[in-house]
N, C-alpha and C. Protein backbone atom coordinates (compact mmCIF):
# COMPACT_ATOMS: atom_id res chain seq x y z
N MET A 1 0.81 -1.20 0.00
CA MET A 1 0.00 0.00 0.00
C MET A 1 0.86 1.27 0.00
N ASN A 2 2.08 1.21 0.54
CA ASN A 2 2.95 2.39 0.60
C ASN A 2 3.23 2.96 -0.78
N ASN A 3 3.49 2.09 -1.75
CA ASN A 3 3.79 2.56 -3.10
C ASN A 3 2.59 3.23 -3.74
N ARG A 4 1.41 2.73 -3.47
CA ARG A 4 0.21 3.34 -4.04
C ARG A 4 -0.02 4.72 -3.44
N ILE A 5 0.22 4.87 -2.15
CA ILE A 5 0.09 6.18 -1.50
C ILE A 5 1.11 7.15 -2.09
N LEU A 6 2.35 6.68 -2.28
CA LEU A 6 3.37 7.52 -2.90
C LEU A 6 2.97 7.91 -4.32
N GLY A 7 2.40 6.98 -5.07
CA GLY A 7 1.96 7.26 -6.43
C GLY A 7 0.86 8.31 -6.48
N ILE A 8 -0.09 8.21 -5.57
CA ILE A 8 -1.17 9.20 -5.51
C ILE A 8 -0.61 10.56 -5.10
N ALA A 9 0.32 10.58 -4.15
CA ALA A 9 0.95 11.84 -3.75
C ALA A 9 1.73 12.44 -4.91
N ALA A 10 2.43 11.61 -5.69
CA ALA A 10 3.17 12.11 -6.85
C ALA A 10 2.22 12.67 -7.90
N LEU A 11 1.09 12.02 -8.10
CA LEU A 11 0.09 12.54 -9.04
C LEU A 11 -0.44 13.90 -8.58
N ALA A 12 -0.71 14.03 -7.28
CA ALA A 12 -1.21 15.31 -6.75
C ALA A 12 -0.15 16.41 -6.91
N LEU A 13 1.11 16.08 -6.60
CA LEU A 13 2.18 17.07 -6.75
C LEU A 13 2.38 17.45 -8.21
N ALA A 14 2.31 16.48 -9.10
CA ALA A 14 2.45 16.76 -10.54
C ALA A 14 1.31 17.66 -11.01
N ALA A 15 0.10 17.42 -10.53
CA ALA A 15 -1.04 18.26 -10.91
C ALA A 15 -0.82 19.70 -10.43
N MET A 16 -0.30 19.87 -9.22
CA MET A 16 -0.02 21.21 -8.72
C MET A 16 1.09 21.88 -9.53
N MET A 17 2.11 21.12 -9.92
CA MET A 17 3.19 21.68 -10.73
C MET A 17 2.67 22.12 -12.10
N ILE A 18 1.82 21.31 -12.70
CA ILE A 18 1.25 21.67 -14.00
C ILE A 18 0.37 22.91 -13.87
N TRP A 19 -0.42 22.98 -12.81
CA TRP A 19 -1.30 24.12 -12.59
C TRP A 19 -0.48 25.40 -12.40
N GLN A 20 0.59 25.33 -11.60
CA GLN A 20 1.43 26.50 -11.35
C GLN A 20 2.31 26.86 -12.55
N GLY A 21 2.82 25.86 -13.25
CA GLY A 21 3.76 26.10 -14.33
C GLY A 21 3.14 26.41 -15.67
N HIS A 22 1.85 26.14 -15.81
CA HIS A 22 1.21 26.34 -17.11
C HIS A 22 1.21 27.80 -17.54
N ASP A 23 1.01 28.73 -16.63
CA ASP A 23 0.94 30.15 -16.98
C ASP A 23 2.27 30.87 -16.78
N LEU A 24 3.34 30.14 -16.57
CA LEU A 24 4.64 30.75 -16.35
C LEU A 24 5.12 31.43 -17.63
N GLN A 25 5.36 32.73 -17.56
CA GLN A 25 5.79 33.50 -18.72
C GLN A 25 7.00 34.34 -18.33
N ALA A 26 7.92 34.52 -19.25
CA ALA A 26 9.06 35.40 -19.04
C ALA A 26 8.73 36.76 -19.64
N PRO A 27 9.26 37.85 -19.06
CA PRO A 27 8.97 39.16 -19.61
C PRO A 27 9.55 39.36 -21.01
N PHE A 28 10.55 38.57 -21.36
CA PHE A 28 11.11 38.62 -22.70
C PHE A 28 11.49 37.21 -23.10
N SER A 29 11.48 36.92 -24.37
CA SER A 29 11.76 35.58 -24.85
C SER A 29 13.27 35.41 -25.05
N TYR A 30 13.85 34.53 -24.27
CA TYR A 30 15.29 34.29 -24.38
C TYR A 30 15.61 32.90 -24.88
N GLU A 31 14.62 32.09 -25.05
CA GLU A 31 14.82 30.76 -25.64
C GLU A 31 13.51 30.34 -26.29
N PRO A 32 13.56 29.43 -27.24
CA PRO A 32 12.35 29.09 -27.99
C PRO A 32 11.24 28.48 -27.15
N LEU A 33 11.58 27.66 -26.17
CA LEU A 33 10.56 26.98 -25.39
C LEU A 33 9.99 27.83 -24.26
N GLY A 34 10.76 28.76 -23.73
CA GLY A 34 10.31 29.58 -22.62
C GLY A 34 10.54 28.89 -21.29
N PRO A 35 10.23 29.58 -20.19
CA PRO A 35 10.54 29.06 -18.87
C PRO A 35 9.62 27.96 -18.37
N ARG A 36 8.48 27.77 -19.00
CA ARG A 36 7.56 26.76 -18.48
C ARG A 36 7.82 25.34 -18.97
N ALA A 37 8.67 25.16 -19.96
CA ALA A 37 8.90 23.83 -20.52
C ALA A 37 9.49 22.88 -19.49
N PHE A 38 10.47 23.33 -18.73
CA PHE A 38 11.13 22.43 -17.79
C PHE A 38 10.19 21.96 -16.67
N PRO A 39 9.48 22.87 -15.97
CA PRO A 39 8.57 22.36 -14.93
C PRO A 39 7.46 21.47 -15.48
N LEU A 40 6.98 21.78 -16.68
CA LEU A 40 5.92 20.93 -17.24
C LEU A 40 6.45 19.56 -17.63
N LEU A 41 7.68 19.50 -18.13
CA LEU A 41 8.29 18.21 -18.47
C LEU A 41 8.51 17.37 -17.21
N ILE A 42 9.04 18.01 -16.16
CA ILE A 42 9.26 17.29 -14.90
C ILE A 42 7.93 16.81 -14.34
N ALA A 43 6.90 17.64 -14.40
CA ALA A 43 5.57 17.26 -13.90
C ALA A 43 5.00 16.09 -14.69
N ALA A 44 5.21 16.08 -16.00
CA ALA A 44 4.69 14.98 -16.82
C ALA A 44 5.39 13.67 -16.47
N VAL A 45 6.70 13.71 -16.31
CA VAL A 45 7.44 12.49 -15.92
C VAL A 45 6.99 12.03 -14.54
N MET A 46 6.83 12.97 -13.61
CA MET A 46 6.38 12.62 -12.27
C MET A 46 4.98 12.01 -12.30
N ALA A 47 4.12 12.56 -13.13
CA ALA A 47 2.76 12.03 -13.23
C ALA A 47 2.77 10.62 -13.80
N LEU A 48 3.59 10.35 -14.80
CA LEU A 48 3.67 9.00 -15.36
C LEU A 48 4.18 8.00 -14.31
N CYS A 49 5.21 8.38 -13.58
CA CYS A 49 5.74 7.49 -12.53
C CYS A 49 4.72 7.30 -11.42
N GLY A 50 4.04 8.39 -11.04
CA GLY A 50 3.01 8.28 -10.00
C GLY A 50 1.85 7.41 -10.44
N LEU A 51 1.47 7.52 -11.70
CA LEU A 51 0.40 6.69 -12.23
C LEU A 51 0.77 5.21 -12.21
N ARG A 52 2.01 4.93 -12.58
CA ARG A 52 2.48 3.54 -12.55
C ARG A 52 2.46 2.98 -11.13
N LEU A 53 2.90 3.78 -10.16
CA LEU A 53 2.89 3.33 -8.78
C LEU A 53 1.47 3.17 -8.26
N ALA A 54 0.58 4.09 -8.63
CA ALA A 54 -0.80 4.02 -8.14
C ALA A 54 -1.54 2.81 -8.71
N ILE A 55 -1.25 2.45 -9.95
CA ILE A 55 -1.95 1.33 -10.58
C ILE A 55 -1.35 -0.01 -10.18
N ARG A 56 -0.02 -0.13 -10.28
CA ARG A 56 0.61 -1.44 -10.06
C ARG A 56 1.05 -1.66 -8.63
N GLY A 57 1.20 -0.60 -7.87
CA GLY A 57 1.64 -0.77 -6.49
C GLY A 57 3.05 -1.31 -6.44
N GLY A 58 3.23 -2.40 -5.80
CA GLY A 58 4.56 -2.99 -5.70
C GLY A 58 4.80 -3.63 -4.37
N GLY A 59 3.79 -3.63 -3.54
CA GLY A 59 3.95 -4.29 -2.26
C GLY A 59 4.44 -3.35 -1.18
N GLN A 60 4.73 -3.95 -0.08
CA GLN A 60 5.15 -3.22 1.10
C GLN A 60 6.62 -2.83 0.97
N ALA A 61 6.94 -1.60 1.29
CA ALA A 61 8.33 -1.14 1.28
C ALA A 61 9.01 -1.62 2.56
N PRO A 62 10.28 -1.99 2.48
CA PRO A 62 10.97 -2.42 3.70
C PRO A 62 11.15 -1.24 4.66
N ALA A 63 11.21 -1.55 5.92
CA ALA A 63 11.38 -0.52 6.95
C ALA A 63 12.76 0.11 6.82
N ASN A 64 12.86 1.38 7.19
CA ASN A 64 14.15 2.05 7.18
C ASN A 64 15.07 1.44 8.23
N PRO A 65 16.36 1.38 7.93
CA PRO A 65 17.30 0.87 8.93
C PRO A 65 17.37 1.83 10.12
N PRO A 66 17.87 1.37 11.25
CA PRO A 66 17.96 2.23 12.43
C PRO A 66 18.80 3.48 12.14
N GLY A 67 18.30 4.62 12.57
CA GLY A 67 18.99 5.88 12.38
C GLY A 67 18.70 6.59 11.08
N ALA A 68 18.04 5.91 10.14
CA ALA A 68 17.78 6.52 8.83
C ALA A 68 16.80 7.68 8.93
N ASN A 69 15.78 7.55 9.77
CA ASN A 69 14.80 8.62 9.90
C ASN A 69 15.43 9.88 10.48
N THR A 70 16.37 9.71 11.39
CA THR A 70 17.08 10.86 11.96
C THR A 70 17.92 11.55 10.88
N ARG A 71 18.61 10.76 10.05
CA ARG A 71 19.40 11.34 8.96
C ARG A 71 18.51 12.03 7.93
N ILE A 72 17.34 11.46 7.66
CA ILE A 72 16.41 12.09 6.72
C ILE A 72 15.94 13.44 7.26
N ALA A 73 15.59 13.49 8.54
CA ALA A 73 15.17 14.76 9.15
C ALA A 73 16.32 15.76 9.15
N ALA A 74 17.53 15.29 9.44
CA ALA A 74 18.69 16.19 9.42
C ALA A 74 18.94 16.70 8.01
N MET A 75 18.78 15.86 7.01
CA MET A 75 18.96 16.28 5.62
C MET A 75 17.95 17.35 5.25
N PHE A 76 16.72 17.19 5.69
CA PHE A 76 15.69 18.21 5.46
C PHE A 76 16.10 19.52 6.12
N GLY A 77 16.63 19.45 7.34
CA GLY A 77 17.10 20.64 8.03
C GLY A 77 18.26 21.31 7.30
N VAL A 78 19.17 20.52 6.76
CA VAL A 78 20.30 21.07 6.01
C VAL A 78 19.80 21.80 4.77
N ILE A 79 18.83 21.24 4.08
CA ILE A 79 18.30 21.88 2.86
C ILE A 79 17.58 23.18 3.21
N VAL A 80 16.80 23.17 4.28
CA VAL A 80 16.12 24.39 4.71
C VAL A 80 17.15 25.45 5.12
N GLY A 81 18.16 25.03 5.86
CA GLY A 81 19.23 25.95 6.25
C GLY A 81 19.95 26.53 5.05
N TYR A 82 20.20 25.70 4.05
CA TYR A 82 20.85 26.15 2.82
C TYR A 82 20.02 27.23 2.15
N ALA A 83 18.72 27.01 2.08
CA ALA A 83 17.84 28.01 1.46
C ALA A 83 17.82 29.31 2.25
N LEU A 84 17.91 29.22 3.57
CA LEU A 84 17.86 30.41 4.41
C LEU A 84 19.13 31.24 4.34
N VAL A 85 20.30 30.61 4.22
CA VAL A 85 21.56 31.36 4.23
C VAL A 85 22.12 31.61 2.84
N PHE A 86 21.49 31.07 1.81
CA PHE A 86 22.02 31.15 0.45
C PHE A 86 22.29 32.58 0.01
N GLN A 87 21.34 33.47 0.15
CA GLN A 87 21.50 34.85 -0.30
C GLN A 87 22.49 35.60 0.57
N TRP A 88 22.38 35.44 1.88
CA TRP A 88 23.22 36.17 2.82
C TRP A 88 24.68 35.72 2.75
N ALA A 89 24.92 34.42 2.84
CA ALA A 89 26.29 33.89 2.86
C ALA A 89 26.89 33.84 1.46
N GLY A 90 26.06 33.69 0.46
CA GLY A 90 26.53 33.57 -0.91
C GLY A 90 26.61 32.12 -1.34
N PHE A 91 26.70 31.94 -2.65
CA PHE A 91 26.69 30.60 -3.22
C PHE A 91 27.86 29.75 -2.73
N ILE A 92 29.05 30.30 -2.76
CA ILE A 92 30.25 29.49 -2.45
C ILE A 92 30.22 29.01 -1.01
N ILE A 93 29.98 29.91 -0.05
CA ILE A 93 30.00 29.52 1.36
C ILE A 93 28.83 28.60 1.68
N ALA A 94 27.63 28.95 1.22
CA ALA A 94 26.46 28.12 1.53
C ALA A 94 26.58 26.73 0.92
N THR A 95 27.06 26.63 -0.30
CA THR A 95 27.18 25.33 -0.96
C THR A 95 28.28 24.50 -0.34
N ALA A 96 29.41 25.12 0.00
CA ALA A 96 30.49 24.38 0.66
C ALA A 96 30.04 23.85 2.01
N LEU A 97 29.33 24.67 2.77
CA LEU A 97 28.83 24.23 4.08
C LEU A 97 27.80 23.12 3.94
N MET A 98 26.89 23.26 2.98
CA MET A 98 25.89 22.21 2.77
C MET A 98 26.56 20.90 2.37
N THR A 99 27.54 20.97 1.48
CA THR A 99 28.24 19.76 1.04
C THR A 99 28.96 19.10 2.21
N LEU A 100 29.57 19.88 3.06
CA LEU A 100 30.24 19.33 4.24
C LEU A 100 29.24 18.61 5.14
N LEU A 101 28.10 19.24 5.41
CA LEU A 101 27.11 18.64 6.30
C LEU A 101 26.48 17.39 5.68
N VAL A 102 26.21 17.42 4.39
CA VAL A 102 25.65 16.23 3.74
C VAL A 102 26.68 15.10 3.74
N GLY A 103 27.94 15.43 3.48
CA GLY A 103 29.00 14.42 3.54
C GLY A 103 29.10 13.77 4.91
N ARG A 104 28.95 14.58 5.96
CA ARG A 104 28.97 14.03 7.32
C ARG A 104 27.76 13.14 7.58
N LEU A 105 26.60 13.54 7.06
CA LEU A 105 25.39 12.72 7.25
C LEU A 105 25.53 11.35 6.61
N PHE A 106 26.27 11.28 5.52
CA PHE A 106 26.44 10.01 4.82
C PHE A 106 27.71 9.27 5.24
N GLY A 107 28.27 9.66 6.37
CA GLY A 107 29.37 8.89 6.95
C GLY A 107 30.76 9.33 6.54
N GLY A 108 30.88 10.47 5.89
CA GLY A 108 32.20 10.96 5.50
C GLY A 108 32.91 11.61 6.68
N GLY A 109 34.20 11.79 6.54
CA GLY A 109 34.96 12.48 7.57
C GLY A 109 34.77 13.98 7.45
N TRP A 110 35.70 14.74 8.01
CA TRP A 110 35.63 16.18 7.91
C TRP A 110 36.41 16.72 6.71
N VAL A 111 37.56 16.10 6.44
CA VAL A 111 38.47 16.66 5.44
C VAL A 111 37.94 16.47 4.02
N GLY A 112 37.56 15.26 3.67
CA GLY A 112 37.09 14.98 2.31
C GLY A 112 35.90 15.82 1.90
N PRO A 113 34.81 15.81 2.68
CA PRO A 113 33.67 16.66 2.30
C PRO A 113 33.99 18.15 2.31
N ALA A 114 34.89 18.58 3.19
CA ALA A 114 35.25 20.00 3.21
C ALA A 114 36.00 20.38 1.94
N ILE A 115 36.97 19.57 1.55
CA ILE A 115 37.72 19.85 0.32
C ILE A 115 36.81 19.76 -0.90
N GLY A 116 36.00 18.72 -0.95
CA GLY A 116 35.07 18.57 -2.07
C GLY A 116 34.05 19.70 -2.12
N GLY A 117 33.56 20.14 -0.97
CA GLY A 117 32.58 21.22 -0.92
C GLY A 117 33.16 22.54 -1.39
N VAL A 118 34.36 22.86 -0.91
CA VAL A 118 34.98 24.12 -1.31
C VAL A 118 35.35 24.08 -2.80
N ALA A 119 35.99 23.01 -3.23
CA ALA A 119 36.40 22.91 -4.64
C ALA A 119 35.19 22.90 -5.56
N GLY A 120 34.18 22.12 -5.22
CA GLY A 120 32.99 22.04 -6.05
C GLY A 120 32.23 23.35 -6.11
N SER A 121 32.08 24.02 -4.98
CA SER A 121 31.33 25.28 -4.99
C SER A 121 32.08 26.37 -5.75
N VAL A 122 33.41 26.41 -5.63
CA VAL A 122 34.19 27.40 -6.38
C VAL A 122 34.10 27.10 -7.88
N LEU A 123 34.26 25.84 -8.27
CA LEU A 123 34.19 25.49 -9.69
C LEU A 123 32.80 25.77 -10.27
N LEU A 124 31.75 25.42 -9.52
CA LEU A 124 30.40 25.69 -10.00
C LEU A 124 30.13 27.19 -10.08
N PHE A 125 30.65 27.96 -9.12
CA PHE A 125 30.48 29.41 -9.16
C PHE A 125 31.14 29.99 -10.41
N VAL A 126 32.35 29.57 -10.66
CA VAL A 126 33.06 30.07 -11.85
C VAL A 126 32.32 29.67 -13.12
N LEU A 127 31.89 28.42 -13.18
CA LEU A 127 31.18 27.95 -14.37
C LEU A 127 29.91 28.75 -14.62
N PHE A 128 29.06 28.84 -13.59
CA PHE A 128 27.77 29.49 -13.79
C PHE A 128 27.86 31.00 -13.83
N ASP A 129 28.56 31.60 -12.86
CA ASP A 129 28.57 33.05 -12.75
C ASP A 129 29.47 33.70 -13.80
N ARG A 130 30.63 33.13 -14.05
CA ARG A 130 31.58 33.78 -14.94
C ARG A 130 31.48 33.27 -16.38
N VAL A 131 31.33 31.96 -16.57
CA VAL A 131 31.32 31.41 -17.93
C VAL A 131 29.92 31.48 -18.55
N LEU A 132 28.91 30.99 -17.84
CA LEU A 132 27.56 30.94 -18.39
C LEU A 132 26.75 32.20 -18.13
N ASP A 133 27.29 33.12 -17.35
CA ASP A 133 26.66 34.40 -17.06
C ASP A 133 25.33 34.25 -16.31
N VAL A 134 25.25 33.24 -15.43
CA VAL A 134 24.10 33.07 -14.54
C VAL A 134 24.49 33.71 -13.22
N VAL A 135 23.80 34.76 -12.83
CA VAL A 135 24.18 35.52 -11.64
C VAL A 135 23.87 34.72 -10.39
N LEU A 136 24.91 34.52 -9.58
CA LEU A 136 24.78 33.84 -8.29
C LEU A 136 25.17 34.82 -7.20
N PRO A 137 24.57 34.71 -6.01
CA PRO A 137 24.90 35.64 -4.94
C PRO A 137 26.33 35.43 -4.43
N VAL A 138 27.05 36.52 -4.22
CA VAL A 138 28.43 36.43 -3.71
C VAL A 138 28.46 36.49 -2.20
N GLY A 139 27.45 37.09 -1.57
CA GLY A 139 27.34 37.10 -0.12
C GLY A 139 28.54 37.68 0.59
N LEU A 140 29.05 36.95 1.55
CA LEU A 140 30.14 37.41 2.40
C LEU A 140 31.45 37.55 1.65
N LEU A 141 31.59 36.90 0.52
CA LEU A 141 32.83 36.98 -0.26
C LEU A 141 32.78 38.07 -1.32
N GLY A 142 31.79 38.96 -1.24
CA GLY A 142 31.59 39.99 -2.26
C GLY A 142 32.80 40.88 -2.50
N ALA A 143 33.56 41.17 -1.44
CA ALA A 143 34.73 42.05 -1.60
C ALA A 143 35.85 41.37 -2.38
N TRP A 144 35.88 40.03 -2.38
CA TRP A 144 36.96 39.29 -3.05
C TRP A 144 36.58 38.78 -4.43
N LEU A 145 35.31 38.81 -4.77
CA LEU A 145 34.88 38.25 -6.07
C LEU A 145 34.55 39.32 -7.06
């Protein structure tokens, strides 16, 4: 029954995404498809997967291993925290910190996730902000960037 409930929830979420994304318009046309193509495509794929789960089910899902629910709640907290500090701290600091915390949640040490977080956030910042011209917040590092 768990898979059917998930399928129905996915169908409801897809319907809300289609409803919200259908009227999405950009003030100027910068690409042939416009800004609504991506959310509508994601909603359609989600609806197909949800429909499959709602119709076929799949039986009972196995229980989470011990400690998994705590890590899931912590991951939700990390994502909410990331959204809250993203503008203020800037992309590089917020993304590096999020990567470090997610790495720790999945059993990593301190050094590996820290190095990966800093390197990845700097490389992504350069790629998006400087190469692709997608403006990202600089936050606390504004004087150096």
